[in-house]
Amino acid sequence: MHERSTRHRAKRVGRRAWVAALTLSAVLGSAAPARAEHPVIAGTGIAFDLIIVRPLSLGVLVFGFVCFLPAALFSGPSVADPWDMFVVEPFEATFIRPLGEFEEEY
């Protein structure tokens, strides 16, 4: 009988621990982080952008221009949509977007 009450108490404590953990994760997971930027992190983002993202964006621009040519043939009289998608957007992401900015607003 004593063993059964100990198991029952352990289950109850286990349930309480799960409820507490789930509540804590819900509260902490829904909290909005502060927008204060740390200078080291901001510098790392710029370096990451310059060393990795910009060369990849340049490759996407070249590949997009190559893909634009056949897409323009099949797009009918309007070549503006394929031009924007394959050439203009990668060009802006490569050369116009400020370093370290990964938002769409540039």
C-alpha atoms as a PDB file:
ATOM      1  CA  MET A   1       0.000   0.000   0.000  1.00  0.00           C
ATOM      2  CA  HIS A   2       2.852   2.359   0.811  1.00  0.00           C
ATOM      3  CA  GLU A   3       4.466   1.716  -2.592  1.00  0.00           C
ATOM      4  CA  ARG A   4       1.230   2.606  -4.402  1.00  0.00           C
ATOM      5  CA  SER A   5       0.880   5.972  -2.630  1.00  0.00           C
ATOM      6  CA  THR A   6       4.515   6.756  -3.417  1.00  0.00           C
ATOM      7  CA  ARG A   7       3.931   6.032  -7.118  1.00  0.00           C
ATOM      8  CA  HIS A   8       0.771   8.128  -7.092  1.00  0.00           C
ATOM      9  CA  ARG A   9       2.646  11.007  -5.441  1.00  0.00           C
ATOM     10  CA  ALA A  10       5.492  10.669  -7.993  1.00  0.00           C
ATOM     11  CA  LYS A  11       3.003  10.819 -10.878  1.00  0.00           C
ATOM     12  CA  ARG A  12       1.396  13.913  -9.378  1.00  0.00           C
ATOM     13  CA  VAL A  13       4.793  15.611  -8.981  1.00  0.00           C
ATOM     14  CA  GLY A  14       5.707  14.569 -12.522  1.00  0.00           C
ATOM     15  CA  ARG A  15       2.514  16.107 -13.881  1.00  0.00           C
ATOM     16  CA  ARG A  16       3.145  19.299 -11.968  1.00  0.00           C
ATOM     17  CA  ALA A  17       6.687  19.446 -13.348  1.00  0.00           C
ATOM     18  CA  TRP A  18       5.383  19.032 -16.909  1.00  0.00           C
ATOM     19  CA  VAL A  19       2.743  21.695 -16.400  1.00  0.00           C
ATOM     20  CA  ALA A  20       5.325  24.057 -14.919  1.00  0.00           C
ATOM     21  CA  ALA A  21       7.778  23.384 -17.767  1.00  0.00           C
ATOM     22  CA  LEU A  22       5.114  23.891 -20.444  1.00  0.00           C
ATOM     23  CA  THR A  23       3.884  27.082 -18.797  1.00  0.00           C
ATOM     24  CA  LEU A  24       7.418  28.413 -18.491  1.00  0.00           C
ATOM     25  CA  SER A  25       8.228  27.611 -22.120  1.00  0.00           C
ATOM     26  CA  ALA A  26       4.999  29.239 -23.285  1.00  0.00           C
ATOM     27  CA  VAL A  27       5.720  32.386 -21.306  1.00  0.00           C
ATOM     28  CA  LEU A  28       9.358  32.625 -22.331  1.00  0.00           C
ATOM     29  CA  GLY A  29       8.697  31.577 -25.913  1.00  0.00           C
ATOM     30  CA  SER A  30       6.090  34.265 -26.441  1.00  0.00           C
ATOM     31  CA  ALA A  31       8.161  37.076 -24.942  1.00  0.00           C
ATOM     32  CA  ALA A  32       9.409  39.513 -27.575  1.00  0.00           C
ATOM     33  CA  PRO A  33      13.177  39.993 -27.519  1.00  0.00           C
ATOM     34  CA  ALA A  34      14.568  43.471 -27.071  1.00  0.00           C
ATOM     35  CA  ARG A  35      15.777  45.255 -30.204  1.00  0.00           C
ATOM     36  CA  ALA A  36      19.002  46.461 -28.612  1.00  0.00           C
ATOM     37  CA  GLU A  37      21.816  45.375 -30.889  1.00  0.00           C
ATOM     38  CA  HIS A  38      25.141  44.316 -29.559  1.00  0.00           C
ATOM     39  CA  PRO A  39      28.042  45.843 -31.559  1.00  0.00           C
ATOM     40  CA  VAL A  40      29.841  42.506 -31.857  1.00  0.00           C
ATOM     41  CA  ILE A  41      26.726  40.818 -33.241  1.00  0.00           C
ATOM     42  CA  ALA A  42      26.087  43.682 -35.667  1.00  0.00           C
ATOM     43  CA  GLY A  43      29.682  43.441 -36.919  1.00  0.00           C
ATOM     44  CA  THR A  44      29.334  39.705 -37.321  1.00  0.00           C
ATOM     45  CA  GLY A  45      26.213  40.202 -39.450  1.00  0.00           C
ATOM     46  CA  ILE A  46      28.061  42.634 -41.704  1.00  0.00           C
ATOM     47  CA  ALA A  47      31.008  40.254 -42.065  1.00  0.00           C
ATOM     48  CA  PHE A  48      28.655  37.331 -42.781  1.00  0.00           C
ATOM     49  CA  ASP A  49      26.874  39.448 -45.383  1.00  0.00           C
ATOM     50  CA  LEU A  50      30.094  40.588 -47.052  1.00  0.00           C
ATOM     51  CA  ILE A  51      31.887  37.229 -47.056  1.00  0.00           C
ATOM     52  CA  ILE A  52      29.060  34.751 -47.680  1.00  0.00           C
ATOM     53  CA  VAL A  53      25.766  36.370 -48.690  1.00  0.00           C
ATOM     54  CA  ARG A  54      27.024  38.931 -51.252  1.00  0.00           C
ATOM     55  CA  PRO A  55      29.035  36.424 -53.324  1.00  0.00           C
ATOM     56  CA  LEU A  56      26.062  34.049 -53.282  1.00  0.00           C
ATOM     57  CA  SER A  57      23.770  36.913 -54.327  1.00  0.00           C
ATOM     58  CA  LEU A  58      26.124  37.711 -57.207  1.00  0.00           C
ATOM     59  CA  GLY A  59      25.957  34.067 -58.285  1.00  0.00           C
ATOM     60  CA  VAL A  60      22.163  34.191 -58.117  1.00  0.00           C
ATOM     61  CA  LEU A  61      22.234  37.366 -60.250  1.00  0.00           C
ATOM     62  CA  VAL A  62      24.336  35.700 -62.948  1.00  0.00           C
ATOM     63  CA  PHE A  63      22.215  32.540 -62.832  1.00  0.00           C
ATOM     64  CA  GLY A  64      19.055  34.673 -62.902  1.00  0.00           C
ATOM     65  CA  PHE A  65      20.215  36.503 -66.011  1.00  0.00           C
ATOM     66  CA  VAL A  66      20.871  33.161 -67.714  1.00  0.00           C
ATOM     67  CA  CYS A  67      17.399  31.951 -66.659  1.00  0.00           C
ATOM     68  CA  PHE A  68      15.816  35.217 -67.783  1.00  0.00           C
ATOM     69  CA  LEU A  69      16.602  34.607 -71.442  1.00  0.00           C
ATOM     70  CA  PRO A  70      14.447  31.455 -71.863  1.00  0.00           C
ATOM     71  CA  ALA A  71      11.799  32.800 -69.466  1.00  0.00           C
ATOM     72  CA  ALA A  72      11.476  35.924 -71.617  1.00  0.00           C
ATOM     73  CA  LEU A  73      10.788  33.745 -74.657  1.00  0.00           C
ATOM     74  CA  PHE A  74       7.854  32.020 -72.938  1.00  0.00           C
ATOM     75  CA  SER A  75       6.450  35.004 -71.054  1.00  0.00           C
ATOM     76  CA  GLY A  76       4.755  36.518 -74.082  1.00  0.00           C
ATOM     77  CA  PRO A  77       4.869  40.205 -74.911  1.00  0.00           C
ATOM     78  CA  SER A  78       5.659  41.302 -71.340  1.00  0.00           C
ATOM     79  CA  VAL A  79       9.185  40.624 -70.126  1.00  0.00           C
ATOM     80  CA  ALA A  80       8.890  42.904 -67.083  1.00  0.00           C
ATOM     81  CA  ASP A  81       7.862  40.163 -64.626  1.00  0.00           C
ATOM     82  CA  PRO A  82      10.684  37.723 -65.457  1.00  0.00           C
ATOM     83  CA  TRP A  83      13.177  40.637 -65.616  1.00  0.00           C
ATOM     84  CA  ASP A  84      12.152  41.793 -62.136  1.00  0.00           C
ATOM     85  CA  MET A  85      12.198  38.302 -60.662  1.00  0.00           C
ATOM     86  CA  PHE A  86      15.410  36.982 -62.227  1.00  0.00           C
ATOM     87  CA  VAL A  87      17.547  40.128 -62.592  1.00  0.00           C
ATOM     88  CA  VAL A  88      16.316  43.207 -60.700  1.00  0.00           C
ATOM     89  CA  GLU A  89      15.646  41.570 -57.308  1.00  0.00           C
ATOM     90  CA  PRO A  90      19.044  39.765 -57.153  1.00  0.00           C
ATOM     91  CA  PHE A  91      20.767  42.959 -58.349  1.00  0.00           C
ATOM     92  CA  GLU A  92      19.159  44.984 -55.559  1.00  0.00           C
ATOM     93  CA  ALA A  93      20.011  42.298 -52.987  1.00  0.00           C
ATOM     94  CA  THR A  94      23.637  42.261 -54.170  1.00  0.00           C
ATOM     95  CA  PHE A  95      24.457  45.909 -54.797  1.00  0.00           C
ATOM     96  CA  ILE A  96      21.771  48.180 -53.293  1.00  0.00           C
ATOM     97  CA  ARG A  97      20.881  46.493 -49.993  1.00  0.00           C
ATOM     98  CA  PRO A  98      22.905  47.948 -47.080  1.00  0.00           C
ATOM     99  CA  LEU A  99      25.483  45.624 -45.549  1.00  0.00           C
ATOM    100  CA  GLY A 100      24.063  43.547 -42.728  1.00  0.00           C
ATOM    101  CA  GLU A 101      20.436  44.415 -43.542  1.00  0.00           C
ATOM    102  CA  PHE A 102      18.417  41.313 -44.352  1.00  0.00           C
ATOM    103  CA  GLU A 103      14.989  42.934 -44.302  1.00  0.00           C
ATOM    104  CA  GLU A 104      13.048  43.507 -47.516  1.00  0.00           C
ATOM    105  CA  GLU A 105      12.797  47.276 -46.906  1.00  0.00           C
ATOM    106  CA  TYR A 106      15.729  48.821 -48.764  1.00  0.00           C
END
